[in-house]
Amino acid sequence: MNREQKTEFVEQVRERFSSAPLVILSDWKGSTVAEMDAIRRACEPAGVHFQVVKNTLCRRAVAGTDMEGLSEHFRGNIGVFFAGDDPIAAAKLYRDQKKANDKLICRAGFFEGDILDEKGVDAVADLPSREELLSTFLRTLQEGPRQVLGVLQGPARDLLYLLKNYESKLEGTG
């Protein structure tokens, strides 16, 4: 790799680091080519980009950014998971891949301005997904008007029950 290619690689990786809401650094030592290919193929539909990186070039890419704390983890065999639009889904995907391939070891992660360890990445994976949060939000929005409608319908409903009871009382004595 010549100097121009290295510079291009650093810029490309720096852009990926800055645009990804979640980044996971994973050691993959001992994995076969087929296992690595399976990981890549599993990441594509979820919008996650998996890339095996050069450590020194990645240290340059994160230098001077808020992800600079990841520099110490760039040693050995490192593959980087760059999340797409949904960081929670990416963390869940990583956890599933880690269960399927026991050779994947989480070195570090970066989410919401914080450097994470393996437990932190698992905690992100335990968060509800975007769809679950949106459905909870919609339910919360709908509950207020539903309760107001119940209160407004209460007097009319009570009057109807009163009239029905009075009608049955008249029929019983009639």
Protein backbone atom coordinates (compact mmCIF):
# COMPACT_ATOMS: atom_id res chain seq x y z
CA MET A 1 0.00 0.00 0.00
CA ASN A 2 1.59 3.27 -1.06
CA ARG A 3 1.30 6.62 0.72
CA GLU A 4 -1.61 7.81 -1.45
CA GLN A 5 -3.61 4.66 -0.77
CA LYS A 6 -2.90 4.94 2.95
CA THR A 7 -4.09 8.55 2.99
CA GLU A 8 -7.25 7.57 1.12
CA PHE A 9 -7.84 4.69 3.56
CA VAL A 10 -7.40 6.97 6.59
CA GLU A 11 -9.90 9.49 5.18
CA GLN A 12 -12.40 6.78 4.34
CA VAL A 13 -12.17 5.21 7.80
CA ARG A 14 -12.29 8.63 9.51
CA GLU A 15 -15.52 9.38 7.64
CA ARG A 16 -17.01 6.03 8.68
CA PHE A 17 -16.01 6.61 12.30
CA SER A 18 -17.56 10.09 12.33
CA SER A 19 -20.83 9.04 10.68
CA ALA A 20 -21.45 5.81 12.62
CA PRO A 21 -23.57 6.18 15.78
CA LEU A 22 -22.08 2.95 17.16
CA VAL A 23 -18.64 1.47 16.53
CA ILE A 24 -17.55 -1.92 17.87
CA LEU A 25 -13.95 -3.14 17.76
CA SER A 26 -13.74 -6.91 17.73
CA ASP A 27 -10.88 -9.38 17.78
CA TRP A 28 -11.46 -12.20 15.31
CA LYS A 29 -8.25 -14.21 15.76
CA GLY A 30 -8.71 -17.84 14.80
CA SER A 31 -11.79 -17.32 12.64
CA THR A 32 -11.82 -18.95 9.23
CA VAL A 33 -12.41 -17.14 5.97
CA ALA A 34 -15.84 -18.74 5.73
CA GLU A 35 -16.77 -17.47 9.21
CA MET A 36 -15.59 -13.96 8.36
CA ASP A 37 -17.57 -14.06 5.12
CA ALA A 38 -20.67 -15.18 7.05
CA ILE A 39 -20.24 -12.21 9.40
CA ARG A 40 -19.97 -9.80 6.46
CA ARG A 41 -23.04 -11.29 4.78
CA ALA A 42 -25.06 -11.06 8.01
CA CYS A 43 -24.10 -7.39 8.42
CA GLU A 44 -25.14 -6.23 4.93
CA PRO A 45 -28.95 -6.50 5.28
CA ALA A 46 -28.85 -4.76 8.68
CA GLY A 47 -26.99 -1.75 7.29
CA VAL A 48 -23.86 -2.56 9.32
CA HIS A 49 -20.46 -2.30 7.68
CA PHE A 50 -17.80 -4.76 8.87
CA GLN A 51 -14.21 -4.08 7.94
CA VAL A 52 -10.88 -5.60 8.93
CA VAL A 53 -8.57 -2.65 9.42
CA LYS A 54 -4.90 -1.74 9.69
CA ASN A 55 -4.23 -0.70 13.25
CA THR A 56 -1.74 2.11 12.67
CA LEU A 57 -3.92 3.70 10.00
CA CYS A 58 -6.98 3.51 12.25
CA ARG A 59 -5.04 5.17 15.06
CA ARG A 60 -4.37 8.03 12.64
CA ALA A 61 -8.04 8.11 11.61
CA VAL A 62 -9.32 8.55 15.19
CA ALA A 63 -6.54 10.91 16.29
CA GLY A 64 -7.93 14.27 17.31
CA THR A 65 -11.54 13.07 17.48
CA ASP A 66 -13.72 12.16 20.45
CA MET A 67 -13.02 8.50 19.56
CA GLU A 68 -9.32 8.88 20.27
CA GLY A 69 -9.72 6.66 23.34
CA LEU A 70 -10.17 3.71 20.97
CA SER A 71 -6.53 4.03 19.83
CA GLU A 72 -5.21 1.80 22.60
CA HIS A 73 -7.47 -1.04 21.41
CA PHE A 74 -6.05 -1.12 17.87
CA ARG A 75 -3.63 -4.01 18.25
CA GLY A 76 -3.71 -7.53 16.89
CA ASN A 77 -6.49 -8.70 14.59
CA ILE A 78 -9.20 -6.04 14.66
CA GLY A 79 -12.43 -5.93 12.76
CA VAL A 80 -14.63 -2.86 13.09
CA PHE A 81 -18.42 -2.92 13.02
CA PHE A 82 -19.77 0.45 11.85
CA ALA A 83 -23.48 0.81 12.63
CA GLY A 84 -25.85 2.29 10.09
CA ASP A 85 -29.01 4.18 11.02
CA ASP A 86 -30.01 1.95 13.93
CA PRO A 87 -27.20 1.44 16.46
CA ILE A 88 -29.33 -0.79 18.70
CA ALA A 89 -29.99 -3.23 15.85
CA ALA A 90 -26.27 -3.24 15.07
CA ALA A 91 -25.41 -4.08 18.69
CA LYS A 92 -27.98 -6.89 18.66
CA LEU A 93 -26.54 -8.19 15.39
CA TYR A 94 -23.04 -8.15 16.87
CA ARG A 95 -24.24 -10.04 19.95
CA ASP A 96 -25.87 -12.67 17.71
CA GLN A 97 -22.70 -13.01 15.63
CA LYS A 98 -20.64 -13.34 18.81
CA LYS A 99 -22.90 -16.19 19.98
CA ALA A 100 -22.56 -17.93 16.60
CA ASN A 101 -18.77 -17.46 16.44
CA ASP A 102 -17.09 -17.80 19.82
CA LYS A 103 -13.81 -16.51 18.37
CA LEU A 104 -15.19 -12.95 18.19
CA ILE A 105 -14.07 -11.00 21.23
CA CYS A 106 -15.29 -7.48 21.88
CA ARG A 107 -12.35 -5.19 22.56
CA ALA A 108 -14.20 -1.88 22.81
CA GLY A 109 -17.07 0.14 21.49
CA PHE A 110 -18.07 3.77 21.06
CA PHE A 111 -21.64 4.99 21.56
CA GLU A 112 -23.06 8.43 22.38
CA GLY A 113 -19.62 9.91 23.13
CA ASP A 114 -18.53 7.12 25.49
CA ILE A 115 -15.93 4.40 25.14
CA LEU A 116 -17.56 1.08 26.04
CA ASP A 117 -16.23 -2.26 27.15
CA GLU A 118 -17.86 -5.60 26.33
CA LYS A 119 -20.51 -5.17 29.03
CA GLY A 120 -21.31 -1.71 27.71
CA VAL A 121 -21.83 -3.06 24.20
CA ASP A 122 -24.13 -5.75 25.63
CA ALA A 123 -26.04 -3.02 27.53
CA VAL A 124 -26.58 -1.16 24.24
CA ALA A 125 -27.85 -4.40 22.69
CA ASP A 126 -30.36 -4.73 25.55
CA LEU A 127 -31.92 -1.33 24.79
CA PRO A 128 -35.27 -1.37 22.98
CA SER A 129 -35.08 -1.01 19.21
CA ARG A 130 -36.16 2.07 17.32
CA GLU A 131 -39.45 0.44 16.30
CA GLU A 132 -40.24 -0.53 19.90
CA LEU A 133 -39.53 3.01 21.07
CA LEU A 134 -41.72 4.50 18.34
CA SER A 135 -44.63 2.19 19.18
CA THR A 136 -44.32 3.05 22.88
CA PHE A 137 -44.28 6.74 22.02
CA LEU A 138 -47.36 6.38 19.81
CA ARG A 139 -49.22 4.50 22.56
CA THR A 140 -48.34 7.26 25.02
CA LEU A 141 -49.59 9.93 22.63
CA GLN A 142 -52.88 8.11 22.05
CA GLU A 143 -53.58 7.41 25.72
CA GLY A 144 -54.33 11.04 26.69
CA PRO A 145 -57.11 11.63 24.13
CA ARG A 146 -58.51 8.17 24.88
CA GLN A 147 -58.84 9.02 28.57
CA VAL A 148 -60.43 12.42 27.80
CA LEU A 149 -62.95 10.72 25.52
CA GLY A 150 -63.80 8.23 28.30
CA VAL A 151 -64.43 11.07 30.74
CA LEU A 152 -66.61 12.92 28.22
CA GLN A 153 -68.66 9.79 27.46
CA GLY A 154 -69.10 8.95 31.16
CA PRO A 155 -72.16 11.16 31.97
CA ALA A 156 -74.05 10.08 28.85
CA ARG A 157 -73.31 6.43 29.60
CA ASP A 158 -74.42 6.83 33.22
CA LEU A 159 -77.66 8.51 32.11
CA LEU A 160 -78.33 5.66 29.70
CA TYR A 161 -77.79 3.06 32.48
CA LEU A 162 -80.09 5.04 34.76
CA LEU A 163 -82.84 5.12 32.12
CA LYS A 164 -82.43 1.38 31.36
CA ASN A 165 -82.69 0.55 35.07
CA TYR A 166 -85.76 2.77 35.41
CA GLU A 167 -87.33 1.07 32.35
CA SER A 168 -86.71 -2.41 33.77
CA LYS A 169 -88.14 -1.29 37.12
CA LEU A 170 -91.32 0.00 35.40
CA GLU A 171 -91.66 -3.26 33.44
CA GLY A 172 -91.25 -5.29 36.65
CA THR A 173 -93.96 -3.36 38.55
CA GLY A 174 -96.17 -2.82 35.51
